[in-house]
Structure formats: structure tokens, C-alpha cells
Amino acid sequence: MSRLSLTIVSILLSSQIYAQTGHYWTESYGNRSMLLNGTVIGSVEDLGAVFYNPARISQFETPAFVISGQVYQFNKTIIKDGLGDGFDLKKSNFGGGPSLVSGTFKIGFLEGHQFAYAFLTRSKSDNSFNFAIDEFGDYVDNLPGDEFFSGELNTTNKVSDEWMGLSWSYPINENLSIGASGFYSNFDRNAGIKLQLQAYSPDSGQIFSTWDLVRI
């Protein structure tokens, strides 16, 4: 096949490729990967291979099982001047982190073939913010004089992505193995913005109120 033909085929195939919603190296799976901060592919020697390199599973000499995870993690997010000059948005949380449960098994009539199952947390985050203000001043142009003003802004951005799947591996020789992993993803995202503003003018007795809710 000529170079021109290969180029045309590559372009046609790439038109069906979609980008990831999250970076591939965000989390680490397996003890070795955690110690090396995810910089493993061929070097993975534990059941993190179901995610990084399923061909490696065929080199496991004995049945394997692993439960691993970053038991606790602390996340802090700051958006500088998120609501204007001097008004930062801050969020921090402390809780359980991503985990991996995996094990190997064989099917009797498929000699030499190695299989593994896996349940892993691909991503879990909560970047929700809350900001409230309660002041007395001239905030609403349509109301005379100063007002008792209160406002609240809530933003929600929660993401959860749980994977479950199977891996297969087969050794062609001592130095070469092939393998593949297939996963089912249960992805859930909850995002939205809630804005509530209220103002009361003691001079006129008028009340200004607005409430908006937008879900993404």
C-alpha cells in the first residue's frame, strides 16, 4: 500500500476518534504505579496491568488478587477573583480516593490463556462552590436609597466514573505476550448554577427578588 493510500485511510479512521473527557494519567492503579506516580507501561508487575498493559497478565505464575486505593485524600481548589476583584472561590474536601479491585482466573479448556477481572474508580471529584453576601448599601438601581441586600451563589460540579471489565492475555513466547482489556463505564455528572438575590428598601418598603437555576 502506498504512502498516499495509508494517509487517506488514517484520515478516514481518525474522523471517528473522540477526545477523552479526562487526562489518561490522572490516577494511579496498583502498588507499583502509585510508587512511580503512574509512569508504568511495560514495567508494571502487579494487577495494575489490567489498566496499563494487559499483555503482562500472562506472565503471572500464580493466581493474583489485589485491593488497593488511596484510602484518604485531601483536595483544595481556589479560583482567584472568581466573583470579581477580591472575591475568591474556595473549596476543600477530605475523603476516600480512587481504588482498584482485581483478580486473575483461568478457563480450563483455554490452556495458556490468562484472564482478569477489575473494578476501578476512574475519577471522582466534587468541585462545588458556595458564596453568600449580606450587606446594607445601594445595590439595586431600581430601589431608592440604600437596601438590605442578600445574595447567594451555588455552583455544582460533581463527576463520578466507575469502570468494570475483563482482561485477556496470552504468551506467544517467553519474551512476547499479547493482551486486551475491555471496560464498561458508569459515568455520572451533576452540574448546575443557582443564583438567588434579595433586596429590601426601608425607605419605600419595596422588595426586589430574583432566583435562577441552570442545570448543565
N, C-alpha and C. Protein backbone atom coordinates (compact mmCIF):
# COMPACT_ATOMS: atom_id res chain seq x y z
N MET A 1 0.85 -1.19 0.00
CA MET A 1 0.00 0.00 0.00
C MET A 1 0.89 1.25 0.00
N SER A 2 0.59 2.20 -0.87
CA SER A 2 1.39 3.41 -1.00
C SER A 2 1.21 4.32 0.21
N ARG A 3 2.14 5.29 0.35
CA ARG A 3 2.05 6.24 1.45
C ARG A 3 0.79 7.08 1.33
N LEU A 4 0.41 7.43 0.09
CA LEU A 4 -0.80 8.22 -0.12
C LEU A 4 -2.03 7.47 0.37
N SER A 5 -2.09 6.15 0.06
CA SER A 5 -3.23 5.34 0.50
C SER A 5 -3.28 5.24 2.01
N LEU A 6 -2.10 5.07 2.64
CA LEU A 6 -2.06 4.99 4.10
C LEU A 6 -2.52 6.30 4.73
N THR A 7 -2.14 7.42 4.13
CA THR A 7 -2.54 8.73 4.65
C THR A 7 -4.05 8.91 4.57
N ILE A 8 -4.64 8.50 3.42
CA ILE A 8 -6.08 8.64 3.23
C ILE A 8 -6.84 7.77 4.24
N VAL A 9 -6.38 6.52 4.42
CA VAL A 9 -7.02 5.61 5.37
C VAL A 9 -6.93 6.16 6.79
N SER A 10 -5.77 6.72 7.16
CA SER A 10 -5.58 7.29 8.50
C SER A 10 -6.53 8.45 8.75
N ILE A 11 -6.71 9.29 7.75
CA ILE A 11 -7.60 10.44 7.89
C ILE A 11 -9.03 9.99 8.07
N LEU A 12 -9.45 8.98 7.27
CA LEU A 12 -10.82 8.48 7.36
C LEU A 12 -11.08 7.85 8.72
N LEU A 13 -10.12 7.10 9.23
CA LEU A 13 -10.30 6.45 10.53
C LEU A 13 -10.29 7.47 11.66
N SER A 14 -9.43 8.49 11.57
CA SER A 14 -9.34 9.47 12.65
C SER A 14 -10.58 10.33 12.76
N SER A 15 -11.40 10.37 11.71
CA SER A 15 -12.62 11.18 11.78
C SER A 15 -13.62 10.60 12.76
N GLN A 16 -13.43 9.34 13.18
CA GLN A 16 -14.34 8.70 14.12
C GLN A 16 -13.78 8.63 15.53
N ILE A 17 -12.64 9.31 15.77
CA ILE A 17 -12.00 9.28 17.08
C ILE A 17 -12.46 10.47 17.90
N TYR A 18 -12.81 10.22 19.16
CA TYR A 18 -13.28 11.28 20.03
C TYR A 18 -12.30 11.48 21.18
N ALA A 19 -12.20 12.70 21.65
CA ALA A 19 -11.27 13.04 22.72
C ALA A 19 -11.76 12.50 24.06
N GLN A 20 -10.82 12.29 24.98
CA GLN A 20 -11.17 11.88 26.34
C GLN A 20 -11.75 13.05 27.11
N THR A 21 -12.61 12.74 28.09
CA THR A 21 -13.14 13.79 28.95
C THR A 21 -12.18 14.10 30.10
N GLY A 22 -11.21 13.23 30.34
CA GLY A 22 -10.24 13.46 31.41
C GLY A 22 -8.88 12.94 30.99
N HIS A 23 -7.83 13.47 31.61
CA HIS A 23 -6.48 13.06 31.25
C HIS A 23 -6.23 11.61 31.63
N TYR A 24 -5.55 10.87 30.75
CA TYR A 24 -5.34 9.44 30.93
C TYR A 24 -4.55 9.12 32.20
N TRP A 25 -3.65 10.03 32.60
CA TRP A 25 -2.75 9.74 33.71
C TRP A 25 -3.19 10.40 35.01
N THR A 26 -4.46 10.71 35.15
CA THR A 26 -4.92 11.41 36.34
C THR A 26 -4.73 10.58 37.61
N GLU A 27 -5.04 9.28 37.56
CA GLU A 27 -4.97 8.41 38.74
C GLU A 27 -3.98 7.28 38.51
N SER A 28 -3.60 6.62 39.61
CA SER A 28 -2.66 5.51 39.55
C SER A 28 -3.33 4.26 40.11
N TYR A 29 -3.02 3.10 39.50
CA TYR A 29 -3.63 1.83 39.92
C TYR A 29 -2.54 0.79 40.13
N GLY A 30 -2.62 0.12 41.28
CA GLY A 30 -1.61 -0.87 41.63
C GLY A 30 -0.49 -0.24 42.44
N ASN A 31 0.17 -1.05 43.25
CA ASN A 31 1.21 -0.54 44.14
C ASN A 31 2.38 0.07 43.38
N ARG A 32 2.83 -0.60 42.34
CA ARG A 32 3.99 -0.09 41.59
C ARG A 32 3.67 1.26 40.94
N SER A 33 2.48 1.35 40.37
CA SER A 33 2.10 2.59 39.71
C SER A 33 1.99 3.74 40.71
N MET A 34 1.46 3.46 41.91
CA MET A 34 1.36 4.51 42.91
C MET A 34 2.73 5.01 43.34
N LEU A 35 3.68 4.08 43.50
CA LEU A 35 5.03 4.47 43.91
C LEU A 35 5.74 5.25 42.82
N LEU A 36 5.42 4.96 41.55
CA LEU A 36 6.07 5.64 40.43
C LEU A 36 5.19 6.73 39.82
N ASN A 37 4.10 7.08 40.52
CA ASN A 37 3.20 8.15 40.08
C ASN A 37 2.65 7.90 38.68
N GLY A 38 2.34 6.64 38.38
CA GLY A 38 1.69 6.30 37.13
C GLY A 38 2.60 6.15 35.93
N THR A 39 3.91 6.29 36.10
CA THR A 39 4.83 6.18 34.96
C THR A 39 5.21 4.72 34.73
N VAL A 40 4.22 3.92 34.39
CA VAL A 40 4.44 2.50 34.10
C VAL A 40 3.67 2.10 32.85
N ILE A 41 4.28 1.25 32.07
CA ILE A 41 3.60 0.57 30.95
C ILE A 41 4.13 -0.86 30.92
N GLY A 42 5.27 -1.07 30.30
CA GLY A 42 5.85 -2.41 30.26
C GLY A 42 6.38 -2.85 31.61
N SER A 43 6.70 -1.92 32.49
CA SER A 43 7.33 -2.28 33.76
C SER A 43 6.33 -2.69 34.83
N VAL A 44 5.04 -2.57 34.58
CA VAL A 44 4.06 -2.92 35.60
C VAL A 44 4.14 -4.41 35.91
N GLU A 45 4.17 -4.76 37.21
CA GLU A 45 4.36 -6.15 37.62
C GLU A 45 3.22 -6.64 38.51
N ASP A 46 2.19 -5.85 38.70
CA ASP A 46 1.07 -6.27 39.53
C ASP A 46 -0.21 -6.13 38.72
N LEU A 47 -1.35 -6.24 39.39
CA LEU A 47 -2.62 -6.23 38.67
C LEU A 47 -3.04 -4.85 38.18
N GLY A 48 -2.20 -3.85 38.40
CA GLY A 48 -2.42 -2.60 37.70
C GLY A 48 -2.32 -2.79 36.19
N ALA A 49 -1.81 -3.97 35.79
CA ALA A 49 -1.68 -4.30 34.36
C ALA A 49 -3.02 -4.34 33.65
N VAL A 50 -4.12 -4.59 34.36
CA VAL A 50 -5.43 -4.61 33.70
C VAL A 50 -5.73 -3.25 33.08
N PHE A 51 -5.15 -2.19 33.64
CA PHE A 51 -5.37 -0.84 33.12
C PHE A 51 -4.25 -0.39 32.19
N TYR A 52 -2.99 -0.72 32.55
CA TYR A 52 -1.85 -0.19 31.81
C TYR A 52 -1.37 -1.10 30.68
N ASN A 53 -1.32 -2.40 30.95
CA ASN A 53 -0.70 -3.31 29.98
C ASN A 53 -1.19 -4.74 30.20
N PRO A 54 -2.39 -5.08 29.68
CA PRO A 54 -2.97 -6.40 29.95
C PRO A 54 -2.13 -7.57 29.45
N ALA A 55 -1.24 -7.35 28.49
CA ALA A 55 -0.39 -8.43 27.99
C ALA A 55 0.50 -8.99 29.10
N ARG A 56 0.77 -8.18 30.10
CA ARG A 56 1.65 -8.61 31.19
C ARG A 56 1.00 -9.67 32.08
N ILE A 57 -0.32 -9.76 32.05
CA ILE A 57 -1.02 -10.69 32.95
C ILE A 57 -0.61 -12.13 32.70
N SER A 58 -0.29 -12.48 31.46
CA SER A 58 0.07 -13.87 31.14
C SER A 58 1.37 -14.31 31.81
N GLN A 59 2.16 -13.37 32.31
CA GLN A 59 3.43 -13.69 32.95
C GLN A 59 3.29 -13.91 34.45
N PHE A 60 2.06 -13.75 34.98
CA PHE A 60 1.84 -14.05 36.39
C PHE A 60 1.86 -15.57 36.57
N GLU A 61 2.76 -16.09 37.41
CA GLU A 61 2.92 -17.53 37.58
C GLU A 61 1.88 -18.11 38.54
N THR A 62 1.36 -17.32 39.44
CA THR A 62 0.37 -17.80 40.41
C THR A 62 -0.85 -16.88 40.36
N PRO A 63 -2.01 -17.38 40.78
CA PRO A 63 -3.21 -16.53 40.82
C PRO A 63 -2.97 -15.29 41.67
N ALA A 64 -3.54 -14.19 41.28
CA ALA A 64 -3.31 -12.92 41.98
C ALA A 64 -4.63 -12.24 42.29
N PHE A 65 -4.63 -11.49 43.38
CA PHE A 65 -5.80 -10.71 43.77
C PHE A 65 -5.31 -9.46 44.49
N VAL A 66 -5.95 -8.32 44.22
CA VAL A 66 -5.49 -7.08 44.83
C VAL A 66 -6.68 -6.19 45.17
N ILE A 67 -6.61 -5.56 46.32
CA ILE A 67 -7.50 -4.46 46.69
C ILE A 67 -6.59 -3.30 47.07
N SER A 68 -6.63 -2.25 46.31
CA SER A 68 -5.73 -1.13 46.58
C SER A 68 -6.47 0.18 46.41
N GLY A 69 -5.92 1.23 47.00
CA GLY A 69 -6.55 2.53 46.84
C GLY A 69 -5.85 3.59 47.67
N GLN A 70 -6.06 4.81 47.29
CA GLN A 70 -5.62 5.93 48.09
C GLN A 70 -6.71 6.14 49.14
N VAL A 71 -6.52 5.55 50.31
CA VAL A 71 -7.60 5.44 51.29
C VAL A 71 -8.21 6.80 51.59
N TYR A 72 -7.36 7.82 51.80
CA TYR A 72 -7.87 9.16 52.06
C TYR A 72 -7.09 10.16 51.21
N GLN A 73 -7.79 11.19 50.79
CA GLN A 73 -7.12 12.23 50.05
C GLN A 73 -7.75 13.59 50.38
N PHE A 74 -6.92 14.63 50.30
CA PHE A 74 -7.37 15.99 50.58
C PHE A 74 -7.26 16.80 49.30
N ASN A 75 -8.36 17.42 48.89
CA ASN A 75 -8.38 18.23 47.68
C ASN A 75 -8.75 19.67 48.04
N LYS A 76 -8.05 20.62 47.46
CA LYS A 76 -8.36 22.03 47.68
C LYS A 76 -8.30 22.76 46.34
N THR A 77 -9.37 23.49 46.04
CA THR A 77 -9.46 24.24 44.79
C THR A 77 -9.72 25.70 45.10
N ILE A 78 -8.95 26.59 44.46
CA ILE A 78 -9.12 28.03 44.62
C ILE A 78 -9.22 28.68 43.25
N ILE A 79 -10.28 29.46 43.03
CA ILE A 79 -10.41 30.24 41.81
C ILE A 79 -10.21 31.70 42.19
N LYS A 80 -9.05 32.24 41.85
CA LYS A 80 -8.69 33.61 42.22
C LYS A 80 -9.61 34.59 41.52
N ASP A 81 -10.20 35.49 42.30
CA ASP A 81 -11.12 36.51 41.78
C ASP A 81 -12.26 35.88 40.98
N GLY A 82 -12.74 34.75 41.46
CA GLY A 82 -13.80 34.03 40.75
C GLY A 82 -15.09 34.80 40.62
N LEU A 83 -15.35 35.72 41.57
CA LEU A 83 -16.56 36.55 41.53
C LEU A 83 -16.23 38.03 41.43
N GLY A 84 -15.03 38.33 40.93
CA GLY A 84 -14.60 39.72 40.81
C GLY A 84 -13.39 39.97 41.69
N ASP A 85 -12.87 41.17 41.62
CA ASP A 85 -11.67 41.53 42.36
C ASP A 85 -11.86 41.33 43.87
N GLY A 86 -10.99 40.54 44.44
CA GLY A 86 -11.02 40.31 45.88
C GLY A 86 -12.02 39.29 46.35
N PHE A 87 -12.77 38.66 45.44
CA PHE A 87 -13.75 37.65 45.81
C PHE A 87 -13.32 36.30 45.22
N ASP A 88 -12.61 35.53 46.03
CA ASP A 88 -12.12 34.23 45.59
C ASP A 88 -13.15 33.15 45.88
N LEU A 89 -13.16 32.13 45.04
CA LEU A 89 -13.96 30.93 45.29
C LEU A 89 -13.03 29.85 45.81
N LYS A 90 -13.39 29.24 46.96
CA LYS A 90 -12.55 28.23 47.58
C LYS A 90 -13.36 26.98 47.88
N LYS A 91 -12.70 25.83 47.72
CA LYS A 91 -13.36 24.55 48.00
C LYS A 91 -12.31 23.56 48.47
N SER A 92 -12.59 22.87 49.57
CA SER A 92 -11.70 21.81 50.05
C SER A 92 -12.54 20.65 50.56
N ASN A 93 -12.04 19.45 50.37
CA ASN A 93 -12.74 18.28 50.89
C ASN A 93 -11.73 17.19 51.23
N PHE A 94 -12.13 16.31 52.11
CA PHE A 94 -11.28 15.22 52.58
C PHE A 94 -12.12 13.95 52.59
N GLY A 95 -11.62 12.92 51.91
CA GLY A 95 -12.40 11.68 51.85
C GLY A 95 -11.67 10.59 51.09
N GLY A 96 -12.40 9.53 50.77
CA GLY A 96 -11.83 8.39 50.08
C GLY A 96 -11.43 8.72 48.65
N GLY A 97 -10.39 8.06 48.18
CA GLY A 97 -9.90 8.28 46.83
C GLY A 97 -10.14 7.09 45.92
N PRO A 98 -9.65 7.17 44.69
CA PRO A 98 -9.83 6.09 43.71
C PRO A 98 -9.28 4.76 44.21
N SER A 99 -9.89 3.66 43.77
CA SER A 99 -9.48 2.35 44.23
C SER A 99 -9.51 1.34 43.09
N LEU A 100 -8.90 0.19 43.34
CA LEU A 100 -8.86 -0.90 42.36
C LEU A 100 -9.09 -2.22 43.06
N VAL A 101 -10.01 -3.02 42.55
CA VAL A 101 -10.22 -4.39 43.00
C VAL A 101 -10.07 -5.27 41.77
N SER A 102 -9.13 -6.21 41.82
CA SER A 102 -8.86 -7.03 40.62
C SER A 102 -8.35 -8.40 41.03
N GLY A 103 -8.57 -9.37 40.16
CA GLY A 103 -8.09 -10.73 40.40
C GLY A 103 -7.95 -11.48 39.09
N THR A 104 -7.14 -12.52 39.09
CA THR A 104 -6.91 -13.32 37.89
C THR A 104 -7.67 -14.64 37.98
N PHE A 105 -7.96 -15.24 36.83
CA PHE A 105 -8.59 -16.55 36.78
C PHE A 105 -8.28 -17.19 35.43
N LYS A 106 -8.47 -18.50 35.36
CA LYS A 106 -8.24 -19.25 34.13
C LYS A 106 -9.49 -20.02 33.74
N ILE A 107 -9.59 -20.32 32.47
CA ILE A 107 -10.66 -21.16 31.94
C ILE A 107 -10.01 -22.46 31.47
N GLY A 108 -10.44 -23.58 32.05
CA GLY A 108 -9.75 -24.85 31.89
C GLY A 108 -9.42 -25.25 30.46
N PHE A 109 -10.35 -25.11 29.53
CA PHE A 109 -10.11 -25.60 28.17
C PHE A 109 -9.31 -24.61 27.32
N LEU A 110 -8.96 -23.44 27.88
CA LEU A 110 -8.14 -22.46 27.15
C LEU A 110 -6.75 -22.45 27.78
N GLU A 111 -5.96 -23.45 27.42
CA GLU A 111 -4.63 -23.62 28.02
C GLU A 111 -3.71 -22.46 27.63
N GLY A 112 -3.05 -21.91 28.63
CA GLY A 112 -2.11 -20.83 28.39
C GLY A 112 -2.74 -19.44 28.42
N HIS A 113 -4.04 -19.38 28.31
CA HIS A 113 -4.72 -18.08 28.34
C HIS A 113 -4.94 -17.66 29.80
N GLN A 114 -4.71 -16.40 30.05
CA GLN A 114 -4.89 -15.85 31.40
C GLN A 114 -5.94 -14.73 31.35
N PHE A 115 -6.81 -14.70 32.35
CA PHE A 115 -7.88 -13.71 32.40
C PHE A 115 -7.84 -12.95 33.74
N ALA A 116 -8.44 -11.79 33.75
CA ALA A 116 -8.52 -11.00 34.98
C ALA A 116 -9.79 -10.16 34.93
N TYR A 117 -10.36 -9.93 36.10
CA TYR A 117 -11.49 -9.02 36.23
C TYR A 117 -11.03 -7.79 37.02
N ALA A 118 -11.73 -6.68 36.85
CA ALA A 118 -11.31 -5.45 37.53
C ALA A 118 -12.50 -4.54 37.77
N PHE A 119 -12.49 -3.91 38.93
CA PHE A 119 -13.44 -2.84 39.27
C PHE A 119 -12.58 -1.66 39.75
N LEU A 120 -12.68 -0.54 39.09
CA LEU A 120 -11.85 0.59 39.46
C LEU A 120 -12.62 1.91 39.38
N THR A 121 -12.18 2.84 40.20
CA THR A 121 -12.73 4.19 40.18
C THR A 121 -11.85 5.03 39.26
N ARG A 122 -12.39 5.38 38.12
CA ARG A 122 -11.60 6.13 37.14
C ARG A 122 -11.46 7.59 37.56
N SER A 123 -12.52 8.17 38.07
CA SER A 123 -12.45 9.54 38.58
C SER A 123 -13.62 9.81 39.51
N LYS A 124 -13.37 10.63 40.50
CA LYS A 124 -14.42 11.06 41.42
C LYS A 124 -14.01 12.43 41.96
N SER A 125 -14.81 13.43 41.68
CA SER A 125 -14.47 14.78 42.11
C SER A 125 -15.74 15.56 42.45
N ASP A 126 -15.56 16.55 43.31
CA ASP A 126 -16.66 17.43 43.71
C ASP A 126 -16.10 18.85 43.81
N ASN A 127 -16.28 19.62 42.74
CA ASN A 127 -15.81 21.00 42.71
C ASN A 127 -17.01 21.94 42.77
N SER A 128 -17.75 21.84 43.86
CA SER A 128 -18.92 22.70 44.07
C SER A 128 -18.53 23.87 44.97
N PHE A 129 -19.08 25.04 44.66
CA PHE A 129 -18.76 26.24 45.41
C PHE A 129 -20.02 26.90 45.94
N ASN A 130 -19.86 27.62 47.07
CA ASN A 130 -20.96 28.37 47.66
C ASN A 130 -20.44 29.73 48.11
N PHE A 131 -21.16 30.78 47.72
CA PHE A 131 -20.77 32.14 48.12
C PHE A 131 -22.01 32.89 48.53
N ALA A 132 -21.95 33.58 49.68
CA ALA A 132 -23.10 34.33 50.18
C ALA A 132 -22.64 35.71 50.67
N ILE A 133 -23.52 36.69 50.54
CA ILE A 133 -23.24 38.05 50.98
C ILE A 133 -24.49 38.63 51.63
N ASP A 134 -24.29 39.41 52.69
CA ASP A 134 -25.42 40.04 53.40
C ASP A 134 -24.94 41.44 53.82
N GLU A 135 -25.40 42.48 53.10
CA GLU A 135 -24.89 43.82 53.30
C GLU A 135 -26.03 44.84 53.27
N PHE A 136 -25.70 46.06 53.73
CA PHE A 136 -26.63 47.19 53.62
C PHE A 136 -25.95 48.27 52.80
N GLY A 137 -26.57 48.64 51.68
CA GLY A 137 -25.98 49.64 50.79
C GLY A 137 -26.84 49.81 49.56
N ASP A 138 -26.34 50.62 48.64
CA ASP A 138 -27.08 50.89 47.40
C ASP A 138 -26.65 49.88 46.35
N TYR A 139 -27.36 48.75 46.29
CA TYR A 139 -27.01 47.68 45.36
C TYR A 139 -27.98 47.58 44.18
N VAL A 140 -29.21 48.04 44.32
CA VAL A 140 -30.21 47.90 43.27
C VAL A 140 -30.61 49.29 42.79
N ASP A 141 -30.36 49.57 41.51
CA ASP A 141 -30.63 50.90 40.96
C ASP A 141 -32.12 51.24 40.98
N ASN A 142 -32.97 50.23 40.84
CA ASN A 142 -34.42 50.49 40.76
C ASN A 142 -35.06 50.80 42.10
N LEU A 143 -34.33 50.61 43.18
CA LEU A 143 -34.86 50.90 44.52
C LEU A 143 -34.21 52.17 45.05
N PRO A 144 -35.02 53.07 45.63
CA PRO A 144 -34.46 54.34 46.14
C PRO A 144 -33.66 54.12 47.43
N GLY A 145 -32.58 54.88 47.55
CA GLY A 145 -31.77 54.82 48.76
C GLY A 145 -31.01 53.51 48.90
N ASP A 146 -30.60 53.26 50.15
CA ASP A 146 -29.86 52.02 50.44
C ASP A 146 -30.83 50.89 50.74
N GLU A 147 -30.35 49.66 50.56
CA GLU A 147 -31.19 48.48 50.77
C GLU A 147 -30.47 47.46 51.65
N PHE A 148 -31.27 46.64 52.30
CA PHE A 148 -30.74 45.43 52.92
C PHE A 148 -30.65 44.39 51.80
N PHE A 149 -29.43 44.02 51.48
CA PHE A 149 -29.20 43.16 50.32
C PHE A 149 -28.59 41.83 50.76
N SER A 150 -29.11 40.74 50.22
CA SER A 150 -28.53 39.42 50.45
C SER A 150 -28.49 38.66 49.13
N GLY A 151 -27.42 37.94 48.93
CA GLY A 151 -27.27 37.16 47.71
C GLY A 151 -26.55 35.86 47.98
N GLU A 152 -26.88 34.85 47.22
CA GLU A 152 -26.25 33.54 47.37
C GLU A 152 -26.03 32.91 46.00
N LEU A 153 -24.83 32.39 45.80
CA LEU A 153 -24.48 31.71 44.56
C LEU A 153 -24.00 30.31 44.88
N ASN A 154 -24.61 29.31 44.26
CA ASN A 154 -24.20 27.92 44.43
C ASN A 154 -23.87 27.33 43.07
N THR A 155 -22.68 26.78 42.94
CA THR A 155 -22.30 26.08 41.72
C THR A 155 -22.03 24.62 42.06
N THR A 156 -22.53 23.73 41.25
CA THR A 156 -22.36 22.29 41.46
C THR A 156 -21.62 21.68 40.28
N ASN A 157 -20.59 20.91 40.57
CA ASN A 157 -19.86 20.21 39.52
C ASN A 157 -19.30 18.91 40.11
N LYS A 158 -20.11 17.86 40.06
CA LYS A 158 -19.73 16.57 40.61
C LYS A 158 -19.57 15.55 39.47
N VAL A 159 -18.48 14.81 39.50
CA VAL A 159 -18.19 13.82 38.46
C VAL A 159 -17.84 12.49 39.12
N SER A 160 -18.44 11.42 38.64
CA SER A 160 -18.12 10.07 39.11
C SER A 160 -18.04 9.15 37.90
N ASP A 161 -16.94 8.39 37.81
CA ASP A 161 -16.74 7.48 36.68
C ASP A 161 -16.22 6.16 37.22
N GLU A 162 -17.07 5.14 37.24
CA GLU A 162 -16.71 3.81 37.74
C GLU A 162 -16.57 2.85 36.56
N TRP A 163 -15.45 2.11 36.53
CA TRP A 163 -15.19 1.15 35.45
C TRP A 163 -15.24 -0.28 35.99
N MET A 164 -15.75 -1.18 35.17
CA MET A 164 -15.68 -2.62 35.46
C MET A 164 -15.41 -3.34 34.15
N GLY A 165 -14.55 -4.36 34.19
CA GLY A 165 -14.23 -5.01 32.93
C GLY A 165 -13.43 -6.29 33.08
N LEU A 166 -13.06 -6.84 31.95
CA LEU A 166 -12.30 -8.09 31.87
C LEU A 166 -11.06 -7.87 31.02
N SER A 167 -10.00 -8.61 31.37
CA SER A 167 -8.76 -8.58 30.61
C SER A 167 -8.39 -9.99 30.17
N TRP A 168 -7.74 -10.08 29.03
CA TRP A 168 -7.26 -11.36 28.50
C TRP A 168 -5.82 -11.22 28.07
N SER A 169 -5.03 -12.27 28.28
CA SER A 169 -3.63 -12.23 27.88
C SER A 169 -3.17 -13.63 27.47
N TYR A 170 -2.24 -13.65 26.49
CA TYR A 170 -1.72 -14.94 26.01
C TYR A 170 -0.25 -14.76 25.65
N PRO A 171 0.62 -15.67 26.16
CA PRO A 171 2.06 -15.57 25.85
C PRO A 171 2.38 -16.24 24.51
N ILE A 172 2.93 -15.49 23.60
CA ILE A 172 3.36 -16.06 22.32
C ILE A 172 4.68 -16.80 22.50
N ASN A 173 5.59 -16.22 23.26
CA ASN A 173 6.83 -16.89 23.66
C ASN A 173 7.28 -16.29 24.98
N GLU A 174 8.51 -16.59 25.40
CA GLU A 174 8.99 -16.13 26.70
C GLU A 174 9.12 -14.61 26.78
N ASN A 175 9.31 -13.98 25.64
CA ASN A 175 9.57 -12.54 25.63
C ASN A 175 8.44 -11.71 25.04
N LEU A 176 7.38 -12.35 24.57
CA LEU A 176 6.32 -11.60 23.90
C LEU A 176 4.95 -12.14 24.31
N SER A 177 4.08 -11.25 24.74
CA SER A 177 2.70 -11.59 25.09
C SER A 177 1.77 -10.58 24.46
N ILE A 178 0.55 -11.01 24.24
CA ILE A 178 -0.48 -10.10 23.74
C ILE A 178 -1.64 -10.07 24.75
N GLY A 179 -2.39 -9.00 24.75
CA GLY A 179 -3.49 -8.90 25.69
C GLY A 179 -4.42 -7.76 25.34
N ALA A 180 -5.57 -7.77 25.96
CA ALA A 180 -6.56 -6.72 25.73
C ALA A 180 -7.46 -6.59 26.96
N SER A 181 -7.93 -5.39 27.20
CA SER A 181 -8.86 -5.12 28.29
C SER A 181 -10.08 -4.39 27.74
N GLY A 182 -11.24 -4.80 28.22
CA GLY A 182 -12.48 -4.13 27.85
C GLY A 182 -13.21 -3.70 29.10
N PHE A 183 -13.68 -2.44 29.12
CA PHE A 183 -14.32 -1.90 30.31
C PHE A 183 -15.69 -1.33 29.99
N TYR A 184 -16.58 -1.46 30.96
CA TYR A 184 -17.86 -0.77 30.93
C TYR A 184 -17.76 0.41 31.88
N SER A 185 -18.13 1.59 31.43
CA SER A 185 -18.01 2.80 32.22
C SER A 185 -19.38 3.29 32.67
N ASN A 186 -19.51 3.51 33.97
CA ASN A 186 -20.72 4.11 34.53
C ASN A 186 -20.38 5.56 34.91
N PHE A 187 -20.67 6.48 33.99
CA PHE A 187 -20.27 7.87 34.15
C PHE A 187 -21.47 8.72 34.57
N ASP A 188 -21.26 9.54 35.59
CA ASP A 188 -22.34 10.40 36.07
C ASP A 188 -21.78 11.79 36.37
N ARG A 189 -22.47 12.80 35.87
CA ARG A 189 -22.05 14.18 36.13
C ARG A 189 -23.27 15.01 36.51
N ASN A 190 -23.10 15.79 37.56
CA ASN A 190 -24.16 16.68 38.04
C ASN A 190 -23.57 18.09 38.11
N ALA A 191 -24.06 18.97 37.24
CA ALA A 191 -23.51 20.33 37.19
C ALA A 191 -24.65 21.33 37.07
N GLY A 192 -24.49 22.45 37.72
CA GLY A 192 -25.51 23.48 37.64
C GLY A 192 -25.11 24.73 38.41
N ILE A 193 -25.89 25.79 38.22
CA ILE A 193 -25.66 27.06 38.89
C ILE A 193 -26.97 27.55 39.47
N LYS A 194 -26.95 27.96 40.73
CA LYS A 194 -28.13 28.51 41.39
C LYS A 194 -27.77 29.90 41.92
N LEU A 195 -28.57 30.89 41.55
CA LEU A 195 -28.34 32.28 41.96
C LEU A 195 -29.61 32.85 42.58
N GLN A 196 -29.50 33.38 43.78
CA GLN A 196 -30.64 33.94 44.48
C GLN A 196 -30.26 35.31 45.04
N LEU A 197 -31.04 36.35 44.69
CA LEU A 197 -30.77 37.72 45.13
C LEU A 197 -32.03 38.30 45.74
N GLN A 198 -31.88 39.02 46.85
CA GLN A 198 -33.00 39.68 47.51
C GLN A 198 -32.54 41.03 48.04
N ALA A 199 -33.44 42.03 47.95
CA ALA A 199 -33.13 43.35 48.46
C ALA A 199 -34.41 43.98 49.01
N TYR A 200 -34.27 44.67 50.15
CA TYR A 200 -35.42 45.35 50.76
C TYR A 200 -35.05 46.81 51.02
N SER A 201 -35.89 47.71 50.52
CA SER A 201 -35.66 49.14 50.71
C SER A 201 -36.52 49.65 51.86
N PRO A 202 -35.90 50.05 53.00
CA PRO A 202 -36.70 50.56 54.13
C PRO A 202 -37.36 51.90 53.83
N ASP A 203 -36.81 52.64 52.87
CA ASP A 203 -37.38 53.96 52.53
C ASP A 203 -38.72 53.84 51.81
N SER A 204 -38.81 52.87 50.90
CA SER A 204 -40.04 52.73 50.11
C SER A 204 -40.85 51.50 50.46
N GLY A 205 -40.26 50.59 51.21
CA GLY A 205 -40.94 49.35 51.54
C GLY A 205 -40.98 48.37 50.39
N GLN A 206 -40.26 48.65 49.32
CA GLN A 206 -40.24 47.76 48.15
C GLN A 206 -39.25 46.61 48.36
N ILE A 207 -39.58 45.49 47.73
CA ILE A 207 -38.74 44.30 47.80
C ILE A 207 -38.36 43.88 46.39
N PHE A 208 -37.08 43.61 46.22
CA PHE A 208 -36.58 43.08 44.94
C PHE A 208 -36.09 41.66 45.18
N SER A 209 -36.52 40.73 44.32
CA SER A 209 -36.12 39.34 44.49
C SER A 209 -35.98 38.67 43.13
N THR A 210 -34.94 37.87 42.97
CA THR A 210 -34.76 37.09 41.75
C THR A 210 -34.14 35.75 42.11
N TRP A 211 -34.45 34.74 41.34
CA TRP A 211 -33.96 33.37 41.60
C TRP A 211 -33.78 32.66 40.28
N ASP A 212 -32.61 32.14 40.04
CA ASP A 212 -32.30 31.44 38.79
C ASP A 212 -31.64 30.11 39.10
N LEU A 213 -32.00 29.11 38.32
CA LEU A 213 -31.40 27.79 38.42
C LEU A 213 -31.11 27.27 37.03
N VAL A 214 -29.84 26.95 36.77
CA VAL A 214 -29.44 26.44 35.47
C VAL A 214 -28.74 25.11 35.69
N ARG A 215 -29.22 24.06 35.06
CA ARG A 215 -28.58 22.74 35.14
C ARG A 215 -27.91 22.43 33.82
N ILE A 216 -26.69 21.90 33.93
CA ILE A 216 -25.90 21.59 32.74
C ILE A 216 -25.89 20.09 32.54
